[in-house]
């Protein structure tokens, strides 16, 4: 199983999250688990989940052969809403986080890279969108 890497202080004097934030977090983790299972069924190996850097977070980093993918997972009531939820600002943060990944994992710099999205909605199979956006977006 992949390990998690985190930056910044652990713990602290933070207030406990509000109940609606806890529910959103649980739904997000469930969606990421479904997305990771889909990728594994497609032959990808999960390198990291919820990888954080000072500039952003990548929901899933996965590889298949020499292909390295950075995956944004979006869960909404409908798949169309999930697709619309990936904003330009989020894309920029994901690209910046991917650059941080490459700085921390220089052996991956020689891989082919792609930015994918996996859309998750109740009562639907997750939808994998390969090359959902590129680094110039």
Protein backbone atom coordinates (compact mmCIF):
# COMPACT_ATOMS: atom_id res chain seq x y z
CA UNK A 1 0.00 0.00 0.00
CA UNK A 2 1.22 3.47 -0.78
CA UNK A 3 2.35 5.69 2.03
CA UNK A 4 1.28 9.26 2.68
CA UNK A 5 3.70 12.16 2.76
CA UNK A 6 2.78 15.37 4.51
CA UNK A 7 4.38 18.74 4.95
CA UNK A 8 3.88 21.19 7.78
CA UNK A 9 3.25 20.80 11.49
CA UNK A 10 1.20 17.90 12.77
CA UNK A 11 -1.62 18.58 15.15
CA UNK A 12 -1.77 22.06 16.64
CA UNK A 13 -4.46 24.18 18.22
CA UNK A 14 -7.06 23.63 15.53
CA UNK A 15 -10.76 23.56 16.26
CA UNK A 16 -12.53 20.29 15.48
CA UNK A 17 -14.18 20.39 12.05
CA UNK A 18 -17.87 21.18 11.80
CA UNK A 19 -20.15 18.15 11.21
CA UNK A 20 -20.80 19.11 7.56
CA UNK A 21 -17.04 19.33 6.91
CA UNK A 22 -16.57 15.89 8.49
CA UNK A 23 -19.26 14.47 6.22
CA UNK A 24 -17.67 16.11 3.15
CA UNK A 25 -14.28 14.67 4.18
CA UNK A 26 -15.74 11.15 4.55
CA UNK A 27 -17.48 11.40 1.18
CA UNK A 28 -14.23 12.58 -0.40
CA UNK A 29 -12.25 9.71 1.08
CA UNK A 30 -14.90 7.24 -0.11
CA UNK A 31 -14.78 8.73 -3.62
CA UNK A 32 -10.98 8.53 -3.63
CA UNK A 33 -11.17 4.88 -2.56
CA UNK A 34 -13.55 4.11 -5.44
CA UNK A 35 -11.28 6.01 -7.84
CA UNK A 36 -8.18 4.16 -6.64
CA UNK A 37 -9.97 0.82 -7.07
CA UNK A 38 -10.91 1.77 -10.64
CA UNK A 39 -7.31 2.70 -11.45
CA UNK A 40 -5.99 -0.56 -9.96
CA UNK A 41 -8.53 -2.50 -12.05
CA UNK A 42 -7.07 -0.71 -15.09
CA UNK A 43 -3.56 -1.84 -14.17
CA UNK A 44 -2.26 1.27 -12.40
CA UNK A 45 -0.21 1.12 -9.23
CA UNK A 46 -1.13 3.74 -6.64
CA UNK A 47 2.00 5.66 -5.62
CA UNK A 48 0.25 8.06 -3.23
CA UNK A 49 -3.16 9.18 -2.06
CA UNK A 50 -3.91 12.64 -0.72
CA UNK A 51 -0.32 13.75 -1.30
CA UNK A 52 0.21 17.22 0.13
CA UNK A 53 2.78 19.86 -0.63
CA UNK A 54 2.99 23.51 0.40
CA UNK A 55 1.41 24.50 -2.93
CA UNK A 56 -1.45 22.01 -3.15
CA UNK A 57 -2.72 18.46 -2.82
CA UNK A 58 -2.95 15.67 -5.35
CA UNK A 59 -5.77 13.22 -4.68
CA UNK A 60 -4.04 10.24 -6.34
CA UNK A 61 -0.64 9.72 -7.93
CA UNK A 62 -0.52 6.50 -9.93
CA UNK A 63 1.74 4.81 -12.45
CA UNK A 64 1.47 2.21 -15.13
CA UNK A 65 4.78 1.37 -16.75
CA UNK A 66 6.52 4.67 -17.52
CA UNK A 67 3.28 6.68 -17.33
CA UNK A 68 2.77 8.78 -14.21
CA UNK A 69 -0.67 10.26 -13.67
CA UNK A 70 -1.82 12.95 -11.27
CA UNK A 71 -5.51 12.45 -10.59
CA UNK A 72 -8.12 14.88 -9.30
CA UNK A 73 -11.16 13.09 -7.85
CA UNK A 74 -14.48 14.93 -7.76
CA UNK A 75 -17.62 13.61 -6.10
CA UNK A 76 -20.99 15.22 -6.62
CA UNK A 77 -24.63 14.15 -6.86
CA UNK A 78 -24.34 13.98 -10.66
CA UNK A 79 -21.33 13.23 -12.86
CA UNK A 80 -21.90 16.44 -14.83
CA UNK A 81 -21.68 18.48 -11.62
CA UNK A 82 -18.45 16.69 -10.71
CA UNK A 83 -16.92 17.58 -14.08
CA UNK A 84 -17.84 21.24 -13.66
CA UNK A 85 -16.31 21.34 -10.18
CA UNK A 86 -12.70 21.26 -11.41
CA UNK A 87 -11.84 24.95 -11.64
CA UNK A 88 -8.93 26.69 -13.36
CA UNK A 89 -7.56 27.61 -9.94
CA UNK A 90 -7.62 23.95 -8.87
CA UNK A 91 -5.89 22.93 -12.08
CA UNK A 92 -3.09 25.41 -11.41
CA UNK A 93 -2.70 24.11 -7.85
CA UNK A 94 -2.60 20.50 -9.04
CA UNK A 95 0.05 21.36 -11.64
CA UNK A 96 2.08 23.17 -8.96
CA UNK A 97 1.71 20.17 -6.62
CA UNK A 98 2.82 17.86 -9.45
CA UNK A 99 5.95 20.00 -9.87
CA UNK A 100 6.55 19.64 -6.12
CA UNK A 101 6.10 15.84 -6.50
CA UNK A 102 8.73 15.78 -9.24
CA UNK A 103 11.13 17.86 -7.13
CA UNK A 104 10.70 15.39 -4.26
CA UNK A 105 10.81 12.32 -6.58
CA UNK A 106 13.42 13.19 -9.23
CA UNK A 107 13.39 9.63 -10.65
CA UNK A 108 9.87 10.34 -11.92
CA UNK A 109 11.02 13.28 -14.05
CA UNK A 110 11.76 10.90 -16.94
CA UNK A 111 8.23 9.47 -16.96
CA UNK A 112 5.47 10.38 -19.36
CA UNK A 113 3.00 12.45 -17.33
CA UNK A 114 -0.67 13.16 -17.54
CA UNK A 115 -3.35 14.99 -15.55
CA UNK A 116 -6.52 12.90 -15.22
CA UNK A 117 -9.83 13.31 -13.45
CA UNK A 118 -12.13 10.72 -11.97
CA UNK A 119 -15.73 11.75 -11.49
CA UNK A 120 -17.77 9.97 -8.84
CA UNK A 121 -21.53 10.10 -8.27
CA UNK A 122 -23.94 7.84 -6.37
CA UNK A 123 -25.34 4.90 -8.33
CA UNK A 124 -22.82 5.35 -11.17
CA UNK A 125 -19.50 3.76 -11.99
CA UNK A 126 -16.68 6.28 -11.54
CA UNK A 127 -15.80 7.96 -14.83
CA UNK A 128 -12.07 8.16 -15.64
CA UNK A 129 -11.18 11.08 -17.90
CA UNK A 130 -7.64 10.60 -19.19
CA UNK A 131 -5.78 13.83 -20.02
CA UNK A 132 -8.57 15.92 -18.45
CA UNK A 133 -6.29 18.95 -18.60
CA UNK A 134 -2.67 19.77 -19.26
CA UNK A 135 0.03 21.73 -17.46
CA UNK A 136 -0.54 24.80 -19.63
CA UNK A 137 -4.19 25.12 -18.55
